């Protein structure tokens, strides 16, 4: 699909394709890393909440 619209596959065309692909890959990697960071933060918050709840329930007993 891209080849029909893009520059004919000369050296310039290949370079453009490579740049496009690397940009897409970088975007995907960035998204994955952001998701991982969010998951780690949520896990940490969940752990802290569990510890706090455990401490509170122990105090009330």
PDB file of N, CA and C in Angstrom:
ATOM      1  N   UNK A   1       0.834  -1.211   0.000  1.00  0.00           N
ATOM      2  CA  UNK A   1       0.000   0.000   0.000  1.00  0.00           C
ATOM      3  C   UNK A   1       0.869   1.262   0.000  1.00  0.00           C
ATOM      4  N   UNK A   2       1.851   1.300   0.931  1.00  0.00           N
ATOM      5  CA  UNK A   2       2.702   2.489   1.036  1.00  0.00           C
ATOM      6  C   UNK A   2       3.513   2.685  -0.235  1.00  0.00           C
ATOM      7  N   UNK A   3       3.986   1.560  -0.842  1.00  0.00           N
ATOM      8  CA  UNK A   3       4.888   1.635  -1.997  1.00  0.00           C
ATOM      9  C   UNK A   3       4.212   2.365  -3.153  1.00  0.00           C
ATOM     10  N   UNK A   4       2.925   2.108  -3.351  1.00  0.00           N
ATOM     11  CA  UNK A   4       2.198   2.734  -4.462  1.00  0.00           C
ATOM     12  C   UNK A   4       2.153   4.251  -4.292  1.00  0.00           C
ATOM     13  N   UNK A   5       1.992   4.695  -3.042  1.00  0.00           N
ATOM     14  CA  UNK A   5       1.874   6.134  -2.787  1.00  0.00           C
ATOM     15  C   UNK A   5       3.253   6.771  -2.663  1.00  0.00           C
ATOM     16  N   UNK A   6       4.190   6.049  -2.020  1.00  0.00           N
ATOM     17  CA  UNK A   6       5.503   6.623  -1.712  1.00  0.00           C
ATOM     18  C   UNK A   6       6.362   6.750  -2.962  1.00  0.00           C
ATOM     19  N   UNK A   7       7.566   7.284  -2.770  1.00  0.00           N
ATOM     20  CA  UNK A   7       8.539   7.442  -3.844  1.00  0.00           C
ATOM     21  C   UNK A   7       8.900   6.050  -4.370  1.00  0.00           C
ATOM     22  N   UNK A   8       9.129   5.892  -5.683  1.00  0.00           N
ATOM     23  CA  UNK A   8       9.592   4.602  -6.212  1.00  0.00           C
ATOM     24  C   UNK A   8      10.838   4.136  -5.464  1.00  0.00           C
ATOM     25  N   UNK A   9      10.982   2.803  -5.295  1.00  0.00           N
ATOM     26  CA  UNK A   9      12.015   2.329  -4.364  1.00  0.00           C
ATOM     27  C   UNK A   9      13.406   2.544  -4.942  1.00  0.00           C
ATOM     28  N   UNK A  10      13.840   3.786  -4.864  1.00  0.00           N
ATOM     29  CA  UNK A  10      15.234   4.144  -5.115  1.00  0.00           C
ATOM     30  C   UNK A  10      15.924   4.208  -3.765  1.00  0.00           C
ATOM     31  N   UNK A  11      17.141   4.712  -3.737  1.00  0.00           N
ATOM     32  CA  UNK A  11      17.846   4.861  -2.458  1.00  0.00           C
ATOM     33  C   UNK A  11      17.063   5.805  -1.546  1.00  0.00           C
ATOM     34  N   UNK A  12      16.529   6.882  -2.128  1.00  0.00           N
ATOM     35  CA  UNK A  12      15.764   7.859  -1.339  1.00  0.00           C
ATOM     36  C   UNK A  12      14.504   7.208  -0.789  1.00  0.00           C
ATOM     37  N   UNK A  13      13.821   6.444  -1.639  1.00  0.00           N
ATOM     38  CA  UNK A  13      12.600   5.762  -1.222  1.00  0.00           C
ATOM     39  C   UNK A  13      12.867   4.806  -0.081  1.00  0.00           C
ATOM     40  N   UNK A  14      13.957   4.037  -0.220  1.00  0.00           N
ATOM     41  CA  UNK A  14      14.306   3.079   0.829  1.00  0.00           C
ATOM     42  C   UNK A  14      14.608   3.794   2.133  1.00  0.00           C
ATOM     43  N   UNK A  15      15.341   4.903   2.023  1.00  0.00           N
ATOM     44  CA  UNK A  15      15.691   5.667   3.228  1.00  0.00           C
ATOM     45  C   UNK A  15      14.423   6.185   3.914  1.00  0.00           C
ATOM     46  N   UNK A  16      13.477   6.691   3.121  1.00  0.00           N
ATOM     47  CA  UNK A  16      12.217   7.195   3.678  1.00  0.00           C
ATOM     48  C   UNK A  16      11.461   6.066   4.375  1.00  0.00           C
ATOM     49  N   UNK A  17      11.411   4.889   3.726  1.00  0.00           N
ATOM     50  CA  UNK A  17      10.738   3.742   4.334  1.00  0.00           C
ATOM     51  C   UNK A  17      11.392   3.382   5.663  1.00  0.00           C
ATOM     52  N   UNK A  18      12.728   3.373   5.665  1.00  0.00           N
ATOM     53  CA  UNK A  18      13.460   3.016   6.887  1.00  0.00           C
ATOM     54  C   UNK A  18      13.148   4.009   8.006  1.00  0.00           C
ATOM     55  N   UNK A  19      13.150   5.289   7.675  1.00  0.00           N
ATOM     56  CA  UNK A  19      12.857   6.317   8.678  1.00  0.00           C
ATOM     57  C   UNK A  19      11.445   6.141   9.218  1.00  0.00           C
ATOM     58  N   UNK A  20      10.500   5.880   8.318  1.00  0.00           N
ATOM     59  CA  UNK A  20       9.105   5.683   8.717  1.00  0.00           C
ATOM     60  C   UNK A  20       9.003   4.494   9.672  1.00  0.00           C
ATOM     61  N   UNK A  21       9.652   3.373   9.285  1.00  0.00           N
ATOM     62  CA  UNK A  21       9.593   2.168  10.109  1.00  0.00           C
ATOM     63  C   UNK A  21      10.222   2.408  11.478  1.00  0.00           C
ATOM     64  N   UNK A  22      11.375   3.078  11.493  1.00  0.00           N
ATOM     65  CA  UNK A  22      12.046   3.319  12.772  1.00  0.00           C
ATOM     66  C   UNK A  22      11.186   4.219  13.657  1.00  0.00           C
ATOM     67  N   UNK A  23      10.515   5.191  13.041  1.00  0.00           N
ATOM     68  CA  UNK A  23       9.632   6.075  13.816  1.00  0.00           C
ATOM     69  C   UNK A  23       8.482   5.289  14.414  1.00  0.00           C
ATOM     70  N   UNK A  24       7.883   4.414  13.603  1.00  0.00           N
ATOM     71  CA  UNK A  24       6.757   3.596  14.091  1.00  0.00           C
ATOM     72  C   UNK A  24       7.234   2.720  15.243  1.00  0.00           C
ATOM     73  N   UNK A  25       8.403   2.079  15.055  1.00  0.00           N
ATOM     74  CA  UNK A  25       8.936   1.208  16.106  1.00  0.00           C
ATOM     75  C   UNK A  25       9.184   1.989  17.383  1.00  0.00           C
ATOM     76  N   UNK A  26       9.750   3.175  17.238  1.00  0.00           N
ATOM     77  CA  UNK A  26      10.034   4.003  18.412  1.00  0.00           C
ATOM     78  C   UNK A  26       8.734   4.361  19.135  1.00  0.00           C
ATOM     79  N   UNK A  27       7.706   4.698  18.363  1.00  0.00           N
ATOM     80  CA  UNK A  27       6.408   5.039  18.953  1.00  0.00           C
ATOM     81  C   UNK A  27       5.850   3.875  19.746  1.00  0.00           C
ATOM     82  N   UNK A  28       5.939   2.671  19.163  1.00  0.00           N
ATOM     83  CA  UNK A  28       5.423   1.479  19.842  1.00  0.00           C
ATOM     84  C   UNK A  28       6.219   1.220  21.114  1.00  0.00           C
ATOM     85  N   UNK A  29       7.546   1.318  21.023  1.00  0.00           N
ATOM     86  CA  UNK A  29       8.390   1.109  22.198  1.00  0.00           C
ATOM     87  C   UNK A  29       8.073   2.110  23.293  1.00  0.00           C
ATOM     88  N   UNK A  30       7.861   3.360  22.886  1.00  0.00           N
ATOM     89  CA  UNK A  30       7.527   4.417  23.839  1.00  0.00           C
ATOM     90  C   UNK A  30       6.222   4.092  24.547  1.00  0.00           C
ATOM     91  N   UNK A  31       5.224   3.660  23.762  1.00  0.00           N
ATOM     92  CA  UNK A  31       3.925   3.314  24.359  1.00  0.00           C
ATOM     93  C   UNK A  31       4.070   2.173  25.342  1.00  0.00           C
ATOM     94  N   UNK A  32       4.837   1.142  24.959  1.00  0.00           N
ATOM     95  CA  UNK A  32       5.013  -0.022  25.830  1.00  0.00           C
ATOM     96  C   UNK A  32       5.698   0.392  27.129  1.00  0.00           C
ATOM     97  N   UNK A  33       6.735   1.237  27.020  1.00  0.00           N
ATOM     98  CA  UNK A  33       7.465   1.665  28.220  1.00  0.00           C
ATOM     99  C   UNK A  33       6.552   2.474  29.138  1.00  0.00           C
ATOM    100  N   UNK A  34       5.716   3.334  28.547  1.00  0.00           N
ATOM    101  CA  UNK A  34       4.780   4.131  29.351  1.00  0.00           C
ATOM    102  C   UNK A  34       3.800   3.212  30.068  1.00  0.00           C
ATOM    103  N   UNK A  35       3.288   2.206  29.345  1.00  0.00           N
ATOM    104  CA  UNK A  35       2.362   1.251  29.960  1.00  0.00           C
ATOM    105  C   UNK A  35       3.040   0.520  31.115  1.00  0.00           C
ATOM    106  N   UNK A  36       4.296   0.104  30.909  1.00  0.00           N
ATOM    107  CA  UNK A  36       5.028  -0.593  31.970  1.00  0.00           C
ATOM    108  C   UNK A  36       5.183   0.294  33.197  1.00  0.00           C
ATOM    109  N   UNK A  37       5.528   1.557  32.971  1.00  0.00           N
ATOM    110  CA  UNK A  37       5.702   2.491  34.091  1.00  0.00           C
ATOM    111  C   UNK A  37       4.395   2.650  34.853  1.00  0.00           C
ATOM    112  N   UNK A  38       3.281   2.798  34.108  1.00  0.00           N
ATOM    113  CA  UNK A  38       1.966   2.954  34.747  1.00  0.00           C
ATOM    114  C   UNK A  38       1.635   1.712  35.570  1.00  0.00           C
ATOM    115  N   UNK A  39       1.891   0.531  34.997  1.00  0.00           N
ATOM    116  CA  UNK A  39       1.599  -0.723  35.702  1.00  0.00           C
ATOM    117  C   UNK A  39       2.426  -0.816  36.983  1.00  0.00           C
ATOM    118  N   UNK A  40       3.706  -0.452  36.886  1.00  0.00           N
ATOM    119  CA  UNK A  40       4.587  -0.514  38.066  1.00  0.00           C
ATOM    120  C   UNK A  40       4.089   0.438  39.149  1.00  0.00           C
ATOM    121  N   UNK A  41       3.707   1.650  38.741  1.00  0.00           N
ATOM    122  CA  UNK A  41       3.207   2.639  39.708  1.00  0.00           C
ATOM    123  C   UNK A  41       1.928   2.130  40.369  1.00  0.00           C
ATOM    124  N   UNK A  42       1.016   1.585  39.555  1.00  0.00           N
ATOM    125  CA  UNK A  42      -0.236   1.053  40.098  1.00  0.00           C
ATOM    126  C   UNK A  42       0.049  -0.086  41.076  1.00  0.00           C
ATOM    127  N   UNK A  43       0.987  -0.958  40.726  1.00  0.00           N
ATOM    128  CA  UNK A  43       1.339  -2.075  41.610  1.00  0.00           C
ATOM    129  C   UNK A  43       1.895  -1.547  42.928  1.00  0.00           C
ATOM    130  N   UNK A  44       2.764  -0.535  42.855  1.00  0.00           N
ATOM    131  CA  UNK A  44       3.353   0.043  44.069  1.00  0.00           C
ATOM    132  C   UNK A  44       2.266   0.665  44.936  1.00  0.00           C
ATOM    133  N   UNK A  45       1.366   1.415  44.309  1.00  0.00           N
ATOM    134  CA  UNK A  45       0.270   2.051  45.055  1.00  0.00           C
ATOM    135  C   UNK A  45      -0.617   0.986  45.685  1.00  0.00           C
ATOM    136  N   UNK A  46      -0.921  -0.065  44.917  1.00  0.00           N
ATOM    137  CA  UNK A  46      -1.736  -1.156  45.442  1.00  0.00           C
ATOM    138  C   UNK A  46      -1.076  -1.821  46.640  1.00  0.00           C
ATOM    139  N   UNK A  47       0.234  -2.047  46.540  1.00  0.00           N
ATOM    140  CA  UNK A  47       0.968  -2.650  47.652  1.00  0.00           C
ATOM    141  C   UNK A  47       0.932  -1.770  48.890  1.00  0.00           C
ATOM    142  N   UNK A  48       1.130  -0.470  48.699  1.00  0.00           N
ATOM    143  CA  UNK A  48       1.091   0.471  49.826  1.00  0.00           C
ATOM    144  C   UNK A  48      -0.292   0.487  50.462  1.00  0.00           C
ATOM    145  N   UNK A  49      -1.323   0.498  49.632  1.00  0.00           N
ATOM    146  CA  UNK A  49      -2.698   0.492  50.146  1.00  0.00           C
ATOM    147  C   UNK A  49      -2.945  -0.769  50.962  1.00  0.00           C
ATOM    148  N   UNK A  50      -2.485  -1.910  50.448  1.00  0.00           N
ATOM    149  CA  UNK A  50      -2.670  -3.178  51.155  1.00  0.00           C
ATOM    150  C   UNK A  50      -1.950  -3.138  52.500  1.00  0.00           C
ATOM    151  N   UNK A  51      -0.729  -2.607  52.511  1.00  0.00           N
ATOM    152  CA  UNK A  51       0.028  -2.502  53.768  1.00  0.00           C
ATOM    153  C   UNK A  51      -0.694  -1.596  54.756  1.00  0.00           C
ATOM    154  N   UNK A  52      -1.175  -0.454  54.270  1.00  0.00           N
ATOM    155  CA  UNK A  52      -1.890   0.486  55.141  1.00  0.00           C
ATOM    156  C   UNK A  52      -3.155  -0.157  55.701  1.00  0.00           C
ATOM    157  N   UNK A  53      -3.914  -0.826  54.834  1.00  0.00           N
ATOM    158  CA  UNK A  53      -5.145  -1.482  55.280  1.00  0.00           C
ATOM    159  C   UNK A  53      -4.825  -2.567  56.301  1.00  0.00           C
ATOM    160  N   UNK A  54      -3.749  -3.321  56.051  1.00  0.00           N
ATOM    161  CA  UNK A  54      -3.334  -4.358  56.992  1.00  0.00           C
ATOM    162  C   UNK A  54      -2.980  -3.762  58.343  1.00  0.00           C
ATOM    163  N   UNK A  55      -2.241  -2.646  58.334  1.00  0.00           N
ATOM    164  CA  UNK A  55      -1.849  -1.985  59.581  1.00  0.00           C
ATOM    165  C   UNK A  55      -3.085  -1.488  60.322  1.00  0.00           C
ATOM    166  N   UNK A  56      -4.025  -0.889  59.587  1.00  0.00           N
ATOM    167  CA  UNK A  56      -5.244  -0.361  60.208  1.00  0.00           C
ATOM    168  C   UNK A  56      -6.059  -1.495  60.809  1.00  0.00           C
ATOM    169  N   UNK A  57      -6.210  -2.598  60.064  1.00  0.00           N
ATOM    170  CA  UNK A  57      -7.011  -3.717  60.568  1.00  0.00           C
ATOM    171  C   UNK A  57      -6.330  -4.357  61.780  1.00  0.00           C
ATOM    172  N   UNK A  58      -5.003  -4.385  61.792  1.00  0.00           N
ATOM    173  CA  UNK A  58      -4.279  -4.927  62.952  1.00  0.00           C
ATOM    174  C   UNK A  58      -4.477  -4.038  64.175  1.00  0.00           C
ATOM    175  N   UNK A  59      -4.482  -2.727  63.968  1.00  0.00           N
ATOM    176  CA  UNK A  59      -4.659  -1.784  65.080  1.00  0.00           C
ATOM    177  C   UNK A  59      -6.052  -1.910  65.690  1.00  0.00           C
ATOM    178  N   UNK A  60      -7.066  -2.088  64.841  1.00  0.00           N
ATOM    179  CA  UNK A  60      -8.442  -2.144  65.339  1.00  0.00           C
ATOM    180  C   UNK A  60      -8.705  -3.425  66.109  1.00  0.00           C
ATOM    181  N   UNK A  61      -7.920  -4.495  65.828  1.00  0.00           N
ATOM    182  CA  UNK A  61      -8.198  -5.775  66.501  1.00  0.00           C
ATOM    183  C   UNK A  61      -7.938  -5.725  67.981  1.00  0.00           C
TER     184      UNK A  61
END
